[in-house]
Amino acid sequence: MSARGTTHVAVVGAGWSGLAAAVALLDAGLRVSLIDAAPQVGGRARRVTLALGDRSYALDNGQHLLVGAYREYIALAQRVGVPRAKRMIMLAEVVETAIIAI
């Protein structure tokens, strides 16, 4: 199919690249299915819980993925509506917001 809005694209992988591709395809007016083998989106960028004794801490993992892609990260975060004040402190929230946008 070639008509805008009727073409359905499958994006395999829900990491940063897959999320960015899915958002770009949606912006182009295409239908998108996002597929990933993991139970959560974000690929290597995700929130993990660290238990130490009787306390647990939520940690954002995957900031190393932003090295060399800072402008692209900010553009994607802005595109999916992450507030400016949270763009650098809540990596996992950006991933979750991108999924809601899809």
C-alpha atoms as a PDB file:
ATOM      1  CA  MET A   1       0.000   0.000   0.000  1.00  0.00           C
ATOM      2  CA  SER A   2       1.252   3.461  -0.725  1.00  0.00           C
ATOM      3  CA  ALA A   3      -1.471   5.854   0.421  1.00  0.00           C
ATOM      4  CA  ARG A   4      -0.551   7.876   3.493  1.00  0.00           C
ATOM      5  CA  GLY A   5      -2.368   6.677   6.563  1.00  0.00           C
ATOM      6  CA  THR A   6      -2.971   3.225   5.145  1.00  0.00           C
ATOM      7  CA  THR A   7       0.634   2.051   5.053  1.00  0.00           C
ATOM      8  CA  HIS A   8       1.398   0.047   8.169  1.00  0.00           C
ATOM      9  CA  VAL A   9       5.054  -0.250   9.177  1.00  0.00           C
ATOM     10  CA  ALA A  10       6.471  -2.638  11.772  1.00  0.00           C
ATOM     11  CA  VAL A  11       9.429  -1.280  13.731  1.00  0.00           C
ATOM     12  CA  VAL A  12      11.403  -4.089  15.330  1.00  0.00           C
ATOM     13  CA  GLY A  13      13.195  -2.942  18.454  1.00  0.00           C
ATOM     14  CA  ALA A  14      11.855  -0.485  21.018  1.00  0.00           C
ATOM     15  CA  GLY A  15      15.169   1.032  22.047  1.00  0.00           C
ATOM     16  CA  TRP A  16      16.114   4.638  21.290  1.00  0.00           C
ATOM     17  CA  SER A  17      16.533   4.018  17.564  1.00  0.00           C
ATOM     18  CA  GLY A  18      13.269   2.127  17.262  1.00  0.00           C
ATOM     19  CA  LEU A  19      11.390   4.756  19.252  1.00  0.00           C
ATOM     20  CA  ALA A  20      12.838   7.566  17.134  1.00  0.00           C
ATOM     21  CA  ALA A  21      11.978   5.687  13.931  1.00  0.00           C
ATOM     22  CA  ALA A  22       8.425   5.037  15.114  1.00  0.00           C
ATOM     23  CA  VAL A  23       7.880   8.711  15.986  1.00  0.00           C
ATOM     24  CA  ALA A  24       9.267   9.815  12.600  1.00  0.00           C
ATOM     25  CA  LEU A  25       7.004   7.354  10.778  1.00  0.00           C
ATOM     26  CA  LEU A  26       3.983   8.581  12.735  1.00  0.00           C
ATOM     27  CA  ASP A  27       4.917  12.163  11.886  1.00  0.00           C
ATOM     28  CA  ALA A  28       4.932  11.106   8.230  1.00  0.00           C
ATOM     29  CA  GLY A  29       1.354   9.900   8.609  1.00  0.00           C
ATOM     30  CA  LEU A  30       2.021   6.167   8.627  1.00  0.00           C
ATOM     31  CA  ARG A  31       0.558   3.548  10.958  1.00  0.00           C
ATOM     32  CA  VAL A  32       3.179   1.943  13.211  1.00  0.00           C
ATOM     33  CA  SER A  33       3.472  -1.240  15.250  1.00  0.00           C
ATOM     34  CA  LEU A  34       6.397  -1.253  17.653  1.00  0.00           C
ATOM     35  CA  ILE A  35       7.715  -4.750  18.441  1.00  0.00           C
ATOM     36  CA  ASP A  36      10.330  -5.738  21.000  1.00  0.00           C
ATOM     37  CA  ALA A  37      11.325  -8.999  22.652  1.00  0.00           C
ATOM     38  CA  ALA A  38      11.840  -7.345  26.046  1.00  0.00           C
ATOM     39  CA  PRO A  39       8.966  -6.838  28.483  1.00  0.00           C
ATOM     40  CA  GLN A  40       9.701  -3.083  28.626  1.00  0.00           C
ATOM     41  CA  VAL A  41      10.582  -0.455  26.062  1.00  0.00           C
ATOM     42  CA  GLY A  42      13.763   1.570  25.956  1.00  0.00           C
ATOM     43  CA  GLY A  43      16.326  -1.061  25.073  1.00  0.00           C
ATOM     44  CA  ARG A  44      19.367  -0.495  27.253  1.00  0.00           C
ATOM     45  CA  ALA A  45      17.899   2.785  28.552  1.00  0.00           C
ATOM     46  CA  ARG A  46      15.490   1.972  31.338  1.00  0.00           C
ATOM     47  CA  ARG A  47      14.778   2.433  35.008  1.00  0.00           C
ATOM     48  CA  VAL A  48      16.121  -0.314  37.245  1.00  0.00           C
ATOM     49  CA  THR A  49      15.546  -0.877  40.945  1.00  0.00           C
ATOM     50  CA  LEU A  50      18.529  -1.408  43.211  1.00  0.00           C
ATOM     51  CA  ALA A  51      17.794  -3.041  46.576  1.00  0.00           C
ATOM     52  CA  LEU A  52      20.280  -2.326  49.360  1.00  0.00           C
ATOM     53  CA  GLY A  53      19.300  -3.830  52.656  1.00  0.00           C
ATOM     54  CA  ASP A  54      15.766  -2.778  53.491  1.00  0.00           C
ATOM     55  CA  ARG A  55      15.778   0.149  51.030  1.00  0.00           C
ATOM     56  CA  SER A  56      15.354   0.246  47.282  1.00  0.00           C
ATOM     57  CA  TYR A  57      16.383   2.954  44.843  1.00  0.00           C
ATOM     58  CA  ALA A  58      15.142   3.708  41.342  1.00  0.00           C
ATOM     59  CA  LEU A  59      18.085   4.288  39.005  1.00  0.00           C
ATOM     60  CA  ASP A  60      18.070   5.416  35.411  1.00  0.00           C
ATOM     61  CA  ASN A  61      20.326   3.225  33.295  1.00  0.00           C
ATOM     62  CA  GLY A  62      21.573   3.921  29.793  1.00  0.00           C
ATOM     63  CA  GLN A  63      22.812   7.506  29.850  1.00  0.00           C
ATOM     64  CA  HIS A  64      25.879   6.346  27.919  1.00  0.00           C
ATOM     65  CA  LEU A  65      23.577   6.004  24.915  1.00  0.00           C
ATOM     66  CA  LEU A  66      23.340   9.795  24.719  1.00  0.00           C
ATOM     67  CA  VAL A  67      27.055  10.307  24.099  1.00  0.00           C
ATOM     68  CA  GLY A  68      27.319  11.638  20.573  1.00  0.00           C
ATOM     69  CA  ALA A  69      23.552  11.939  20.171  1.00  0.00           C
ATOM     70  CA  TYR A  70      22.701  14.812  22.505  1.00  0.00           C
ATOM     71  CA  ARG A  71      20.888  16.910  19.882  1.00  0.00           C
ATOM     72  CA  GLU A  72      18.878  13.942  18.668  1.00  0.00           C
ATOM     73  CA  TYR A  73      17.935  13.024  22.235  1.00  0.00           C
ATOM     74  CA  ILE A  74      16.751  16.564  23.013  1.00  0.00           C
ATOM     75  CA  ALA A  75      14.777  16.696  19.742  1.00  0.00           C
ATOM     76  CA  LEU A  76      13.031  13.382  20.490  1.00  0.00           C
ATOM     77  CA  ALA A  77      12.297  14.372  24.091  1.00  0.00           C
ATOM     78  CA  GLN A  78      10.875  17.691  22.919  1.00  0.00           C
ATOM     79  CA  ARG A  79       8.855  16.025  20.146  1.00  0.00           C
ATOM     80  CA  VAL A  80       7.110  13.623  22.538  1.00  0.00           C
ATOM     81  CA  GLY A  81       6.402  16.351  25.077  1.00  0.00           C
ATOM     82  CA  VAL A  82       8.871  15.803  27.908  1.00  0.00           C
ATOM     83  CA  PRO A  83       9.063  19.057  29.911  1.00  0.00           C
ATOM     84  CA  ARG A  84      12.369  20.900  29.472  1.00  0.00           C
ATOM     85  CA  ALA A  85      13.197  20.668  33.196  1.00  0.00           C
ATOM     86  CA  LYS A  86      13.006  16.858  33.102  1.00  0.00           C
ATOM     87  CA  ARG A  87      14.896  16.127  29.888  1.00  0.00           C
ATOM     88  CA  MET A  88      18.226  15.457  31.525  1.00  0.00           C
ATOM     89  CA  ILE A  89      17.148  14.054  34.875  1.00  0.00           C
ATOM     90  CA  MET A  90      14.531  11.491  33.926  1.00  0.00           C
ATOM     91  CA  LEU A  91      15.818   9.340  31.071  1.00  0.00           C
ATOM     92  CA  ALA A  92      13.329   6.563  31.804  1.00  0.00           C
ATOM     93  CA  GLU A  93      10.453   9.048  31.725  1.00  0.00           C
ATOM     94  CA  VAL A  94      11.467  10.132  28.224  1.00  0.00           C
ATOM     95  CA  VAL A  95      11.244   6.521  27.076  1.00  0.00           C
ATOM     96  CA  GLU A  96       7.825   6.092  28.698  1.00  0.00           C
ATOM     97  CA  THR A  97       6.563   9.372  27.178  1.00  0.00           C
ATOM     98  CA  ALA A  98       7.763   8.322  23.735  1.00  0.00           C
ATOM     99  CA  ILE A  99       5.739   5.119  24.006  1.00  0.00           C
ATOM    100  CA  ILE A 100       2.620   7.052  24.970  1.00  0.00           C
ATOM    101  CA  ALA A 101       3.152   9.222  21.888  1.00  0.00           C
ATOM    102  CA  ILE A 102       3.276   6.124  19.687  1.00  0.00           C
END
